[in-house]
Amino acid sequence: MDLLFFHRRLRCLVIVELKLGDFSYADAGQMHLYLNYARENWMYANENPPVGLILCNRKDEAIAHYALEGLPNKVMAAEYQMVLPDEKLLAAELERTRRTLEQRKLSGDDPNSINEHDPV
């Protein structure tokens, strides 16, 4: 286990595992061990079950799908990049995301909107 956070809005522990190599089914098993331990030993009654995030150099979609699908714990695998994308590409992606969020906000379908009564 490399990083441990508490997500206030989700009310759960978030366990992050950083992998220098490619994602493997063994990484999923290791994360499930961490999640089961955290659920039994660190989780309070008023919290949701912990979630796991595996950040790796590269993931094969098929391996990730079969290694993570159907298991009782919530685990996600994602690739990380060693360098930022080109500035124009990054600006275009930010603009696309901004427009998507604006549309969600206008339609009232914004699951990430901040309620003024939510603790920060």
C-alpha atoms as a PDB file:
ATOM      1  CA  MET A   1       0.000   0.000   0.000  1.00  0.00           C
ATOM      2  CA  ASP A   2       1.549   3.253  -1.114  1.00  0.00           C
ATOM      3  CA  LEU A   3      -1.048   5.889  -0.240  1.00  0.00           C
ATOM      4  CA  LEU A   4      -4.087   5.945   2.024  1.00  0.00           C
ATOM      5  CA  PHE A   5      -6.695   8.695   1.852  1.00  0.00           C
ATOM      6  CA  PHE A   6     -10.149   9.337   3.230  1.00  0.00           C
ATOM      7  CA  HIS A   7     -12.659  10.682   0.698  1.00  0.00           C
ATOM      8  CA  ARG A   8     -14.990  12.949   2.649  1.00  0.00           C
ATOM      9  CA  ARG A   9     -17.824  13.044   0.133  1.00  0.00           C
ATOM     10  CA  LEU A  10     -17.805   9.275  -0.520  1.00  0.00           C
ATOM     11  CA  ARG A  11     -17.192   8.640   3.206  1.00  0.00           C
ATOM     12  CA  CYS A  12     -14.667   5.895   2.547  1.00  0.00           C
ATOM     13  CA  LEU A  13     -10.994   5.045   2.642  1.00  0.00           C
ATOM     14  CA  VAL A  14      -9.168   5.171  -0.702  1.00  0.00           C
ATOM     15  CA  ILE A  15      -6.160   2.885  -1.014  1.00  0.00           C
ATOM     16  CA  VAL A  16      -3.710   3.729  -3.814  1.00  0.00           C
ATOM     17  CA  GLU A  17      -1.075   1.330  -5.107  1.00  0.00           C
ATOM     18  CA  LEU A  18       1.622   2.735  -7.420  1.00  0.00           C
ATOM     19  CA  LYS A  19       3.134   0.223  -9.860  1.00  0.00           C
ATOM     20  CA  LEU A  20       6.198   0.923 -11.990  1.00  0.00           C
ATOM     21  CA  GLY A  21       5.427  -1.931 -14.376  1.00  0.00           C
ATOM     22  CA  ASP A  22       2.411  -3.195 -16.275  1.00  0.00           C
ATOM     23  CA  PHE A  23      -0.824  -4.137 -14.512  1.00  0.00           C
ATOM     24  CA  SER A  24      -1.123  -7.828 -13.629  1.00  0.00           C
ATOM     25  CA  TYR A  25      -3.744 -10.024 -12.000  1.00  0.00           C
ATOM     26  CA  ALA A  26      -1.388 -10.297  -8.995  1.00  0.00           C
ATOM     27  CA  ASP A  27      -1.785  -6.537  -8.478  1.00  0.00           C
ATOM     28  CA  ALA A  28      -5.558  -7.021  -8.237  1.00  0.00           C
ATOM     29  CA  GLY A  29      -5.111  -9.789  -5.666  1.00  0.00           C
ATOM     30  CA  GLN A  30      -2.753  -7.657  -3.604  1.00  0.00           C
ATOM     31  CA  MET A  31      -5.226  -4.761  -3.652  1.00  0.00           C
ATOM     32  CA  HIS A  32      -8.064  -7.041  -2.529  1.00  0.00           C
ATOM     33  CA  LEU A  33      -5.921  -8.119   0.419  1.00  0.00           C
ATOM     34  CA  TYR A  34      -5.456  -4.457   1.397  1.00  0.00           C
ATOM     35  CA  LEU A  35      -9.167  -3.673   0.956  1.00  0.00           C
ATOM     36  CA  ASN A  36     -10.315  -6.651   3.010  1.00  0.00           C
ATOM     37  CA  TYR A  37      -7.899  -5.738   5.812  1.00  0.00           C
ATOM     38  CA  ALA A  38      -8.980  -2.079   5.739  1.00  0.00           C
ATOM     39  CA  ARG A  39     -12.662  -3.026   5.812  1.00  0.00           C
ATOM     40  CA  GLU A  40     -12.211  -5.334   8.813  1.00  0.00           C
ATOM     41  CA  ASN A  41      -9.745  -3.237  10.821  1.00  0.00           C
ATOM     42  CA  TRP A  42      -9.949   0.443   9.869  1.00  0.00           C
ATOM     43  CA  MET A  43     -13.488   1.117   8.637  1.00  0.00           C
ATOM     44  CA  TYR A  44     -15.968   2.726  11.041  1.00  0.00           C
ATOM     45  CA  ALA A  45     -19.657   1.803  11.147  1.00  0.00           C
ATOM     46  CA  ASN A  46     -20.755   5.085   9.531  1.00  0.00           C
ATOM     47  CA  GLU A  47     -18.362   4.734   6.555  1.00  0.00           C
ATOM     48  CA  ASN A  48     -18.740   3.105   3.160  1.00  0.00           C
ATOM     49  CA  PRO A  49     -16.464   0.211   2.162  1.00  0.00           C
ATOM     50  CA  PRO A  50     -12.965   1.228   1.019  1.00  0.00           C
ATOM     51  CA  VAL A  51     -12.074   1.544  -2.657  1.00  0.00           C
ATOM     52  CA  GLY A  52      -8.776   0.762  -4.339  1.00  0.00           C
ATOM     53  CA  LEU A  53      -6.917   2.481  -7.153  1.00  0.00           C
ATOM     54  CA  ILE A  54      -3.989   0.844  -8.921  1.00  0.00           C
ATOM     55  CA  LEU A  55      -1.884   3.292 -10.941  1.00  0.00           C
ATOM     56  CA  CYS A  56       0.391   1.463 -13.354  1.00  0.00           C
ATOM     57  CA  ASN A  57       2.638   2.070 -16.324  1.00  0.00           C
ATOM     58  CA  ARG A  58       0.390   0.151 -18.718  1.00  0.00           C
ATOM     59  CA  LYS A  59      -2.713  -2.010 -18.486  1.00  0.00           C
ATOM     60  CA  ASP A  60      -4.062  -4.605 -20.853  1.00  0.00           C
ATOM     61  CA  GLU A  61      -7.826  -4.028 -20.991  1.00  0.00           C
ATOM     62  CA  ALA A  62      -8.631  -7.758 -21.078  1.00  0.00           C
ATOM     63  CA  ILE A  63      -6.403  -8.572 -18.096  1.00  0.00           C
ATOM     64  CA  ALA A  64      -7.796  -5.629 -16.136  1.00  0.00           C
ATOM     65  CA  HIS A  65     -11.373  -6.623 -16.983  1.00  0.00           C
ATOM     66  CA  TYR A  66     -11.041 -10.267 -15.927  1.00  0.00           C
ATOM     67  CA  ALA A  67      -8.833  -9.534 -12.913  1.00  0.00           C
ATOM     68  CA  LEU A  68     -11.176  -6.888 -11.484  1.00  0.00           C
ATOM     69  CA  GLU A  69     -14.666  -7.886 -12.655  1.00  0.00           C
ATOM     70  CA  GLY A  70     -17.099  -9.576 -10.293  1.00  0.00           C
ATOM     71  CA  LEU A  71     -15.027  -9.237  -7.141  1.00  0.00           C
ATOM     72  CA  PRO A  72     -16.650  -7.876  -3.977  1.00  0.00           C
ATOM     73  CA  ASN A  73     -14.244  -4.938  -3.587  1.00  0.00           C
ATOM     74  CA  LYS A  74     -14.307  -1.790  -5.718  1.00  0.00           C
ATOM     75  CA  VAL A  75     -10.931  -1.618  -7.510  1.00  0.00           C
ATOM     76  CA  MET A  76      -9.933   0.526 -10.481  1.00  0.00           C
ATOM     77  CA  ALA A  77      -6.793   0.310 -12.590  1.00  0.00           C
ATOM     78  CA  ALA A  78      -5.481   3.288 -14.532  1.00  0.00           C
ATOM     79  CA  GLU A  79      -2.411   4.084 -16.587  1.00  0.00           C
ATOM     80  CA  TYR A  80      -0.239   7.020 -15.651  1.00  0.00           C
ATOM     81  CA  GLN A  81       1.751   9.185 -18.029  1.00  0.00           C
ATOM     82  CA  MET A  82       5.356  10.181 -17.463  1.00  0.00           C
ATOM     83  CA  VAL A  83       5.007  13.507 -19.306  1.00  0.00           C
ATOM     84  CA  LEU A  84       2.191  15.973 -19.806  1.00  0.00           C
ATOM     85  CA  PRO A  85       0.454  15.957 -23.188  1.00  0.00           C
ATOM     86  CA  ASP A  86       1.093  18.702 -25.722  1.00  0.00           C
ATOM     87  CA  GLU A  87      -0.168  22.084 -24.462  1.00  0.00           C
ATOM     88  CA  LYS A  88      -2.751  22.431 -27.264  1.00  0.00           C
ATOM     89  CA  LEU A  89      -4.094  18.926 -26.630  1.00  0.00           C
ATOM     90  CA  LEU A  90      -4.303  19.610 -22.904  1.00  0.00           C
ATOM     91  CA  ALA A  91      -6.111  22.928 -23.486  1.00  0.00           C
ATOM     92  CA  ALA A  92      -8.581  21.242 -25.863  1.00  0.00           C
ATOM     93  CA  GLU A  93      -9.292  18.483 -23.325  1.00  0.00           C
ATOM     94  CA  LEU A  94      -9.845  21.022 -20.547  1.00  0.00           C
ATOM     95  CA  GLU A  95     -12.257  22.959 -22.754  1.00  0.00           C
ATOM     96  CA  ARG A  96     -14.147  19.765 -23.690  1.00  0.00           C
ATOM     97  CA  THR A  97     -14.432  18.821 -20.008  1.00  0.00           C
ATOM     98  CA  ARG A  98     -15.584  22.337 -19.084  1.00  0.00           C
ATOM     99  CA  ARG A  99     -18.351  22.208 -21.728  1.00  0.00           C
ATOM    100  CA  THR A 100     -19.470  18.762 -20.548  1.00  0.00           C
ATOM    101  CA  LEU A 101     -19.657  19.945 -16.931  1.00  0.00           C
ATOM    102  CA  GLU A 102     -21.570  23.076 -17.962  1.00  0.00           C
ATOM    103  CA  GLN A 103     -24.108  20.948 -19.852  1.00  0.00           C
ATOM    104  CA  ARG A 104     -24.560  18.679 -16.834  1.00  0.00           C
ATOM    105  CA  LYS A 105     -25.016  21.665 -14.567  1.00  0.00           C
ATOM    106  CA  LEU A 106     -27.623  23.234 -16.863  1.00  0.00           C
ATOM    107  CA  SER A 107     -29.538  19.960 -17.158  1.00  0.00           C
ATOM    108  CA  GLY A 108     -29.496  19.437 -13.389  1.00  0.00           C
ATOM    109  CA  ASP A 109     -27.634  16.135 -13.869  1.00  0.00           C
ATOM    110  CA  ASP A 110     -24.460  17.069 -12.007  1.00  0.00           C
ATOM    111  CA  PRO A 111     -23.489  14.355  -9.499  1.00  0.00           C
ATOM    112  CA  ASN A 112     -20.376  16.336  -8.591  1.00  0.00           C
ATOM    113  CA  SER A 113     -22.078  19.606  -7.794  1.00  0.00           C
ATOM    114  CA  ILE A 114     -21.131  20.959  -4.424  1.00  0.00           C
ATOM    115  CA  ASN A 115     -23.960  21.424  -2.002  1.00  0.00           C
ATOM    116  CA  GLU A 116     -23.392  24.527   0.102  1.00  0.00           C
ATOM    117  CA  HIS A 117     -24.356  22.481   3.172  1.00  0.00           C
ATOM    118  CA  ASP A 118     -21.767  19.732   2.493  1.00  0.00           C
ATOM    119  CA  PRO A 119     -18.650  19.903   4.660  1.00  0.00           C
ATOM    120  CA  VAL A 120     -15.573  20.701   2.611  1.00  0.00           C
END
